[in-house]
Amino acid sequence: MHICFLTNEYPKEGFPHGGIGSFVKTLAIALVKKGIKVSVVGTNYTLKTETQNIDGVDVYRLKPNKTKGLSWYFNSKAINSKLREIHTESPIQVVESSELGLAFIYKIKSVKYIIRLHGGHHFFAESENRGINKWKGFQEKKSFKKCDAFITVSKYVKLHTEKYLSLDNKPVGYISNPINTDFFKPIQENKVENKIVFAGTVCEKKGIRQLIQAFPFVKNEFPNAILEIYGREWFFSDGSSYMQMLKDKELPQLGAIKKDIHFKGAVSYLDIPIAYSQAEVCVFPSHMETQGLVAPEAMAMEKTVVFTKLGPGPEAITDYQTGLLCDPHNPENIAEKIIWVFSNKKESETIGKKAREFVLQKYSLKSIVLQNIDFYKRIILNNSRN
């Protein structure tokens, strides 16, 4: 079996990447270990073409085209050409992408095309109460029509995607994103008392502004509290930095305590467990998630996690049993949950241990890689019958 993932985010040392990149890397390496050939195709982080075999995964990073207004055409053309070349050398059975990824991909007759619902444009437009961008909306609809099957990482993301986009009664697999629990494992000796850790893209939908606004309430109860923020920057349409906006508008209102909020920037995939390990509590007050990787990653390290009560939050955490759920729009509620963790250390340790047990059961890489293989085989079998 030969699986090809389409993504521009496959992790590369020295460059930030998102959750999809982390997911593809984790699954791809696990598939290779099961004897499956895996390729990854996307545009490069730099202005050159590179081909690498990383941990058994063939990664093709294509030189990105920057032609204004036509970059989508030239980049899609390059990806289509590379797919045909790879298929000629080693026939592909499945091509997988996220929601927008198939819009301009020319289908190869013998190949099955799968979209994994990580949370697309329509999904997040609803959650952020904003309009649909015509260009992105068009691409997503076009992409959905081309695919042969879907994989959804939570029940919530499927339900809310279907409000806008038809799945056309195509096969759907319910498979959580995997967590490498050998990589994300307890490192107790690094823990710093009353340290709060956030990880994720520094943008409005991740709830970082409300977390900063919650910090003064925490400091009133625990003066030695520290907030460390890990993640890549997000930019507004005018090119300005959301992170800089926080520093200019939110931090000055905090007075002297702003010195205890540290923006650490993006960190490499290998350093993420170190960041989590230093936390007494990991806080991810997202306004919306599809499943999210950061919460179960930290849970796998026996960390007490404060996660959003919205969206699929309750699918990932049972409140006060495997973590805590907060109202991400309410800074006082976020602070209340952090203060509870700091005030109830023994109970929090028990929650952390239960959290890892839950992750081992629901998000185990060993189990989830087999679920993916079974789904791929079922879709390929349907293809051969047709």
Protein backbone atom coordinates (compact mmCIF):
# COMPACT_ATOMS: atom_id res chain seq x y z
CA MET A 1 0.00 0.00 0.00
CA HIS A 2 1.24 3.50 -0.87
CA ILE A 3 -0.30 6.51 0.89
CA CYS A 4 0.47 10.08 -0.20
CA PHE A 5 -0.31 13.04 2.08
CA LEU A 6 -0.73 16.53 0.63
CA THR A 7 0.48 19.20 3.05
CA ASN A 8 2.80 22.20 3.10
CA GLU A 9 3.27 21.86 6.87
CA TYR A 10 5.38 18.72 7.23
CA PRO A 11 7.78 19.65 10.06
CA LYS A 12 11.15 21.00 9.03
CA GLU A 13 13.87 21.93 11.50
CA GLY A 14 14.06 25.69 12.02
CA PHE A 15 10.59 26.44 10.67
CA PRO A 16 7.25 26.66 12.55
CA HIS A 17 4.44 24.30 11.63
CA GLY A 18 0.87 23.71 12.72
CA GLY A 19 -1.09 20.81 14.14
CA ILE A 20 -1.69 19.23 10.75
CA GLY A 21 2.05 18.97 10.19
CA SER A 22 2.52 17.30 13.57
CA PHE A 23 -0.35 14.90 12.85
CA VAL A 24 0.96 13.88 9.41
CA LYS A 25 4.48 13.31 10.76
CA THR A 26 3.24 11.13 13.63
CA LEU A 27 0.93 9.02 11.46
CA ALA A 28 3.31 8.79 8.49
CA ILE A 29 6.19 7.38 10.55
CA ALA A 30 3.84 4.90 12.26
CA LEU A 31 2.51 3.73 8.87
CA VAL A 32 6.06 3.21 7.57
CA LYS A 33 6.80 1.03 10.59
CA LYS A 34 3.83 -1.13 9.55
CA GLY A 35 5.42 -1.69 6.14
CA ILE A 36 3.38 0.91 4.25
CA LYS A 37 5.04 3.24 1.76
CA VAL A 38 4.36 6.90 2.57
CA SER A 39 5.02 10.03 0.53
CA VAL A 40 4.35 13.65 1.45
CA VAL A 41 3.99 16.35 -1.20
CA GLY A 42 3.67 20.09 -0.67
CA THR A 43 5.34 23.44 -1.24
CA ASN A 44 8.56 24.18 0.63
CA TYR A 45 9.19 26.64 3.44
CA THR A 46 12.06 28.04 1.35
CA LEU A 47 12.40 29.04 -2.31
CA LYS A 48 13.85 25.76 -3.54
CA THR A 49 12.86 22.18 -4.23
CA GLU A 50 14.01 19.51 -1.78
CA THR A 51 13.52 15.76 -1.60
CA GLN A 52 14.31 13.91 1.60
CA ASN A 53 13.67 10.53 3.16
CA ILE A 54 12.95 11.27 6.81
CA ASP A 55 12.39 8.29 9.12
CA GLY A 56 11.38 6.24 6.08
CA VAL A 57 8.93 8.86 4.76
CA ASP A 58 9.59 10.30 1.29
CA VAL A 59 9.09 14.05 1.64
CA TYR A 60 8.86 16.17 -1.52
CA ARG A 61 9.04 19.90 -0.80
CA LEU A 62 8.44 21.84 -4.01
CA LYS A 63 9.69 25.33 -4.73
CA PRO A 64 6.74 27.65 -4.06
CA ASN A 65 5.57 30.02 -6.78
CA LYS A 66 4.95 33.57 -5.57
CA THR A 67 3.24 35.03 -8.66
CA LYS A 68 0.58 37.38 -7.34
CA GLY A 69 -2.92 36.12 -8.12
CA LEU A 70 -1.65 32.98 -9.87
CA SER A 71 0.43 31.25 -7.23
CA TRP A 72 -2.42 28.78 -6.60
CA TYR A 73 -2.37 27.75 -10.27
CA PHE A 74 1.39 27.24 -10.57
CA ASN A 75 1.73 25.53 -7.18
CA SER A 76 -1.16 23.16 -7.96
CA LYS A 77 0.36 22.41 -11.35
CA ALA A 78 3.68 21.49 -9.69
CA ILE A 79 1.96 19.26 -7.14
CA ASN A 80 -0.07 17.49 -9.84
CA SER A 81 3.08 16.88 -11.85
CA LYS A 82 4.90 15.46 -8.83
CA LEU A 83 1.95 13.19 -7.97
CA ARG A 84 1.94 11.73 -11.51
CA GLU A 85 5.71 11.23 -11.35
CA ILE A 86 5.52 9.44 -7.98
CA HIS A 87 2.56 7.33 -9.14
CA THR A 88 4.46 6.21 -12.25
CA GLU A 89 7.44 5.11 -10.16
CA SER A 90 5.44 3.52 -7.32
CA PRO A 91 1.64 3.37 -7.76
CA ILE A 92 -0.29 5.32 -5.13
CA GLN A 93 -3.45 3.80 -3.68
CA VAL A 94 -4.62 6.73 -1.50
CA VAL A 95 -4.07 10.48 -1.58
CA GLU A 96 -5.09 12.27 1.62
CA SER A 97 -5.47 15.99 2.25
CA SER A 98 -7.18 18.43 4.58
CA GLU A 99 -10.37 20.24 3.54
CA LEU A 100 -9.04 22.59 0.82
CA GLY A 101 -6.33 20.30 -0.49
CA LEU A 102 -8.04 18.60 -3.43
CA ALA A 103 -9.56 21.70 -5.07
CA PHE A 104 -7.08 21.84 -7.95
CA ILE A 105 -5.81 18.27 -7.90
CA TYR A 106 -6.40 16.21 -11.05
CA LYS A 107 -7.62 12.76 -10.05
CA ILE A 108 -5.69 9.70 -11.17
CA LYS A 109 -8.22 7.03 -12.10
CA SER A 110 -6.89 4.20 -9.96
CA VAL A 111 -6.30 6.33 -6.84
CA LYS A 112 -8.73 6.99 -3.97
CA TYR A 113 -8.87 10.51 -2.52
CA ILE A 114 -9.62 11.11 1.16
CA ILE A 115 -10.24 14.35 3.06
CA ARG A 116 -9.53 14.35 6.77
CA LEU A 117 -11.71 16.89 8.57
CA HIS A 118 -9.22 18.83 10.65
CA GLY A 119 -11.47 21.90 10.62
CA GLY A 120 -11.81 23.81 7.36
CA HIS A 121 -12.80 27.30 6.32
CA HIS A 122 -16.57 26.82 6.68
CA PHE A 123 -16.15 25.13 10.07
CA PHE A 124 -14.09 27.93 11.59
CA ALA A 125 -16.16 30.67 9.94
CA GLU A 126 -19.12 29.41 11.95
CA SER A 127 -17.18 29.10 15.20
CA GLU A 128 -15.70 32.59 14.83
CA ASN A 129 -19.02 34.10 13.69
CA ARG A 130 -17.57 35.53 10.48
CA GLY A 131 -18.54 35.39 6.84
CA ILE A 132 -17.37 32.89 4.26
CA ASN A 133 -14.49 34.03 2.09
CA LYS A 134 -15.73 33.41 -1.46
CA TRP A 135 -12.40 32.13 -2.77
CA LYS A 136 -11.73 29.78 0.13
CA GLY A 137 -15.36 28.68 0.22
CA PHE A 138 -15.22 27.86 -3.50
CA GLN A 139 -12.05 25.80 -3.05
CA GLU A 140 -13.48 23.84 -0.16
CA LYS A 141 -16.68 22.96 -2.02
CA LYS A 142 -14.67 21.94 -5.10
CA SER A 143 -12.36 19.83 -2.95
CA PHE A 144 -15.25 18.03 -1.22
CA LYS A 145 -16.81 17.07 -4.55
CA LYS A 146 -13.58 15.41 -5.66
CA CYS A 147 -12.97 13.21 -2.64
CA ASP A 148 -14.08 9.59 -2.33
CA ALA A 149 -14.26 9.35 1.47
CA PHE A 150 -13.82 11.33 4.67
CA ILE A 151 -12.09 10.81 7.99
CA THR A 152 -13.29 12.98 10.87
CA VAL A 153 -11.30 13.52 14.05
CA SER A 154 -14.39 14.18 16.22
CA LYS A 155 -18.15 13.91 16.00
CA TYR A 156 -18.39 17.65 16.54
CA VAL A 157 -16.36 18.63 13.48
CA LYS A 158 -18.43 16.39 11.20
CA LEU A 159 -21.73 17.74 12.54
CA HIS A 160 -20.75 21.37 12.10
CA THR A 161 -19.02 20.90 8.74
CA GLU A 162 -22.19 19.31 7.38
CA LYS A 163 -24.12 22.49 8.14
CA TYR A 164 -22.36 24.03 5.12
CA LEU A 165 -20.89 21.24 3.01
CA SER A 166 -22.47 18.00 1.87
CA LEU A 167 -20.56 14.76 2.40
CA ASP A 168 -22.75 13.20 -0.32
CA ASN A 169 -23.25 9.96 1.62
CA LYS A 170 -19.61 9.07 1.02
CA PRO A 171 -17.87 6.70 3.47
CA VAL A 172 -16.88 8.36 6.75
CA GLY A 173 -14.38 7.07 9.29
CA TYR A 174 -14.34 8.37 12.87
CA ILE A 175 -10.67 8.30 13.87
CA SER A 176 -9.08 10.55 16.48
CA ASN A 177 -5.73 12.17 15.86
CA PRO A 178 -3.03 9.93 17.36
CA ILE A 179 -0.74 10.92 20.21
CA ASN A 180 2.72 9.41 20.44
CA THR A 181 2.59 8.44 24.10
CA ASP A 182 6.19 7.21 24.03
CA PHE A 183 7.27 10.71 23.01
CA PHE A 184 4.78 12.56 25.21
CA LYS A 185 5.37 10.87 28.55
CA PRO A 186 5.73 12.09 32.14
CA ILE A 187 8.82 14.15 32.99
CA GLN A 188 8.11 15.14 36.57
CA GLU A 189 11.52 16.49 37.53
CA ASN A 190 11.14 19.56 35.26
CA LYS A 191 7.92 20.88 36.83
CA VAL A 192 7.97 24.48 38.09
CA GLU A 193 5.47 25.42 40.79
CA ASN A 194 2.64 27.71 39.63
CA LYS A 195 3.85 27.84 36.03
CA ILE A 196 1.12 28.10 33.38
CA VAL A 197 1.98 26.92 29.87
CA PHE A 198 0.05 27.69 26.68
CA ALA A 199 1.00 26.15 23.34
CA GLY A 200 -0.54 26.83 19.95
CA THR A 201 -0.71 29.46 17.24
CA VAL A 202 -0.89 32.86 18.93
CA CYS A 203 -4.23 34.03 17.52
CA GLU A 204 -7.69 35.04 18.71
CA LYS A 205 -9.41 31.69 18.17
CA LYS A 206 -6.94 29.95 20.51
CA GLY A 207 -8.16 32.08 23.44
CA ILE A 208 -4.76 33.53 24.27
CA ARG A 209 -6.13 37.05 24.79
CA GLN A 210 -8.61 35.81 27.39
CA LEU A 211 -5.85 33.78 29.07
CA ILE A 212 -3.74 36.94 29.41
CA GLN A 213 -6.78 38.76 30.80
CA ALA A 214 -7.23 35.90 33.31
CA PHE A 215 -3.65 36.20 34.55
CA PRO A 216 -4.22 39.12 37.01
CA PHE A 217 -6.91 37.10 38.82
CA VAL A 218 -4.43 34.23 39.19
CA LYS A 219 -1.68 36.58 40.41
CA ASN A 220 -3.97 37.92 43.12
CA GLU A 221 -4.07 34.42 44.64
CA PHE A 222 -0.63 33.18 43.60
CA PRO A 223 1.83 36.09 43.28
CA ASN A 224 4.63 33.83 41.99
CA ALA A 225 2.58 32.55 39.02
CA ILE A 226 4.25 32.67 35.59
CA LEU A 227 2.62 32.41 32.15
CA GLU A 228 4.70 31.07 29.27
CA ILE A 229 3.30 31.24 25.75
CA TYR A 230 4.70 28.91 23.08
CA GLY A 231 3.62 29.18 19.47
CA ARG A 232 4.08 30.75 16.09
CA GLU A 233 2.78 34.18 15.21
CA TRP A 234 -0.45 34.85 13.35
CA PHE A 235 -0.85 37.87 11.10
CA PHE A 236 -3.86 40.03 10.23
CA SER A 237 -4.76 40.63 6.58
CA ASP A 238 -2.81 43.91 6.67
CA GLY A 239 0.33 42.00 7.68
CA SER A 240 0.40 43.18 11.29
CA SER A 241 1.20 40.71 14.06
CA TYR A 242 -1.47 39.47 16.48
CA MET A 243 1.27 38.80 19.03
CA GLN A 244 2.49 42.39 18.76
CA MET A 245 -1.08 43.60 19.20
CA LEU A 246 -1.27 41.70 22.49
CA LYS A 247 2.00 43.23 23.64
CA ASP A 248 0.88 46.73 22.67
CA LYS A 249 -2.74 46.64 23.89
CA GLU A 250 -3.19 43.91 26.50
CA LEU A 251 0.08 43.79 28.41
CA PRO A 252 0.27 47.52 29.28
CA GLN A 253 -3.01 47.15 31.18
CA LEU A 254 -1.44 44.56 33.49
CA GLY A 255 1.10 46.88 35.09
CA ALA A 256 4.03 45.26 36.86
CA ILE A 257 2.81 41.67 36.44
CA LYS A 258 3.36 41.81 32.68
CA LYS A 259 7.01 40.89 33.38
CA ASP A 260 5.79 37.40 34.33
CA ILE A 261 4.24 36.76 30.90
CA HIS A 262 6.82 35.38 28.49
CA PHE A 263 6.31 34.93 24.74
CA LYS A 264 8.66 32.07 23.88
CA GLY A 265 7.87 31.92 20.16
CA ALA A 266 7.63 28.79 18.06
CA VAL A 267 9.52 25.73 19.27
CA SER A 268 10.59 22.64 17.40
CA TYR A 269 8.53 19.48 17.63
CA LEU A 270 11.29 17.83 19.68
CA ASP A 271 11.16 20.60 22.30
CA ILE A 272 7.40 20.57 22.88
CA PRO A 273 7.51 17.91 25.64
CA ILE A 274 10.13 19.97 27.48
CA ALA A 275 7.81 22.99 27.40
CA TYR A 276 4.88 20.95 28.74
CA SER A 277 7.03 19.26 31.39
CA GLN A 278 7.77 22.57 33.12
CA ALA A 279 4.08 23.40 33.62
CA GLU A 280 2.03 22.87 36.74
CA VAL A 281 -1.00 23.46 34.53
CA CYS A 282 -1.37 23.57 30.75
CA VAL A 283 -4.13 25.91 29.57
CA PHE A 284 -5.72 25.81 26.10
CA PRO A 285 -8.87 28.02 26.17
CA SER A 286 -9.65 27.69 22.46
CA HIS A 287 -12.80 29.30 21.15
CA MET A 288 -13.10 26.30 18.86
CA GLU A 289 -11.22 23.10 18.04
CA THR A 290 -11.82 20.10 15.83
CA GLN A 291 -10.05 17.84 18.30
CA GLY A 292 -6.83 19.63 19.03
CA LEU A 293 -3.48 17.98 19.63
CA VAL A 294 -2.05 20.10 22.42
CA ALA A 295 -4.56 19.04 25.11
CA PRO A 296 -4.10 15.25 24.74
CA GLU A 297 -0.33 15.70 24.27
CA ALA A 298 -0.08 17.45 27.63
CA MET A 299 -2.52 14.96 29.19
CA ALA A 300 -0.25 12.13 28.01
CA MET A 301 2.49 13.74 30.10
CA GLU A 302 0.24 13.53 33.19
CA LYS A 303 -0.30 17.27 33.16
CA THR A 304 -3.48 18.80 34.52
CA VAL A 305 -5.05 20.49 31.51
CA VAL A 306 -7.58 23.30 31.36
CA PHE A 307 -9.32 22.95 27.99
CA THR A 308 -12.28 24.62 26.31
CA LYS A 309 -15.77 23.46 27.22
CA LEU A 310 -16.89 24.32 23.68
CA GLY A 311 -16.86 22.13 20.60
CA PRO A 312 -15.26 18.73 21.16
CA GLY A 313 -13.80 19.73 24.54
CA PRO A 314 -16.13 17.36 26.44
CA GLU A 315 -15.11 14.53 24.07
CA ALA A 316 -11.50 14.99 25.26
CA ILE A 317 -11.97 15.82 28.95
CA THR A 318 -14.39 14.85 31.72
CA ASP A 319 -14.51 17.92 33.96
CA TYR A 320 -12.55 17.52 37.22
CA GLN A 321 -11.78 13.88 36.36
CA THR A 322 -9.35 13.87 33.44
CA GLY A 323 -8.88 17.64 33.29
CA LEU A 324 -10.86 20.85 33.66
CA LEU A 325 -13.15 22.56 31.18
CA CYS A 326 -13.45 26.35 31.01
CA ASP A 327 -15.52 29.01 29.28
CA PRO A 328 -12.90 30.35 26.85
CA HIS A 329 -14.68 33.68 26.51
CA ASN A 330 -14.66 34.34 30.26
CA PRO A 331 -11.25 35.32 31.76
CA GLU A 332 -12.55 34.96 35.32
CA ASN A 333 -13.69 31.41 34.65
CA ILE A 334 -10.32 30.54 33.10
CA ALA A 335 -8.60 31.97 36.17
CA GLU A 336 -10.93 30.06 38.49
CA LYS A 337 -9.87 26.75 36.94
CA ILE A 338 -6.15 27.62 37.11
CA ILE A 339 -6.50 28.68 40.74
CA TRP A 340 -8.25 25.39 41.54
CA VAL A 341 -5.30 23.45 40.11
CA PHE A 342 -2.77 25.46 42.12
CA SER A 343 -4.88 25.11 45.29
CA ASN A 344 -5.52 21.36 44.97
CA LYS A 345 -2.17 19.81 44.18
CA LYS A 346 -2.92 16.23 45.24
CA GLU A 347 -6.24 16.15 43.36
CA SER A 348 -4.50 17.66 40.34
CA GLU A 349 -1.85 14.95 40.37
CA THR A 350 -4.60 12.31 40.40
CA ILE A 351 -6.31 14.08 37.47
CA GLY A 352 -3.01 14.05 35.56
CA LYS A 353 -2.58 10.30 36.03
CA LYS A 354 -6.17 9.63 34.93
CA ALA A 355 -5.60 11.90 31.95
CA ARG A 356 -2.70 9.79 30.69
CA GLU A 357 -4.75 6.60 31.16
CA PHE A 358 -7.53 8.16 29.08
CA VAL A 359 -5.12 9.22 26.32
CA LEU A 360 -3.59 5.74 26.21
CA GLN A 361 -7.08 4.36 25.68
CA LYS A 362 -8.50 6.86 23.18
CA TYR A 363 -5.53 8.38 21.35
CA SER A 364 -2.98 5.55 21.43
CA LEU A 365 -0.83 5.67 18.29
CA LYS A 366 -0.72 1.88 18.16
CA SER A 367 -4.52 1.62 18.03
CA ILE A 368 -5.14 4.60 15.77
CA VAL A 369 -2.60 3.62 13.12
CA LEU A 370 -4.44 0.28 12.78
CA GLN A 371 -7.78 2.10 12.50
CA ASN A 372 -6.35 4.21 9.67
CA ILE A 373 -4.93 1.19 7.86
CA ASP A 374 -8.26 -0.62 8.10
CA PHE A 375 -10.09 2.41 6.70
CA TYR A 376 -7.61 2.81 3.82
CA LYS A 377 -7.99 -0.88 2.96
CA ARG A 378 -11.77 -0.61 2.99
CA ILE A 379 -11.74 2.38 0.61
CA ILE A 380 -9.22 0.70 -1.70
CA LEU A 381 -11.33 -2.48 -1.73
CA ASN A 382 -14.39 -0.44 -2.70
CA ASN A 383 -12.34 1.00 -5.54
CA SER A 384 -11.35 -2.42 -6.86
CA ARG A 385 -14.99 -3.58 -6.76
CA ASN A 386 -16.08 -0.53 -8.72
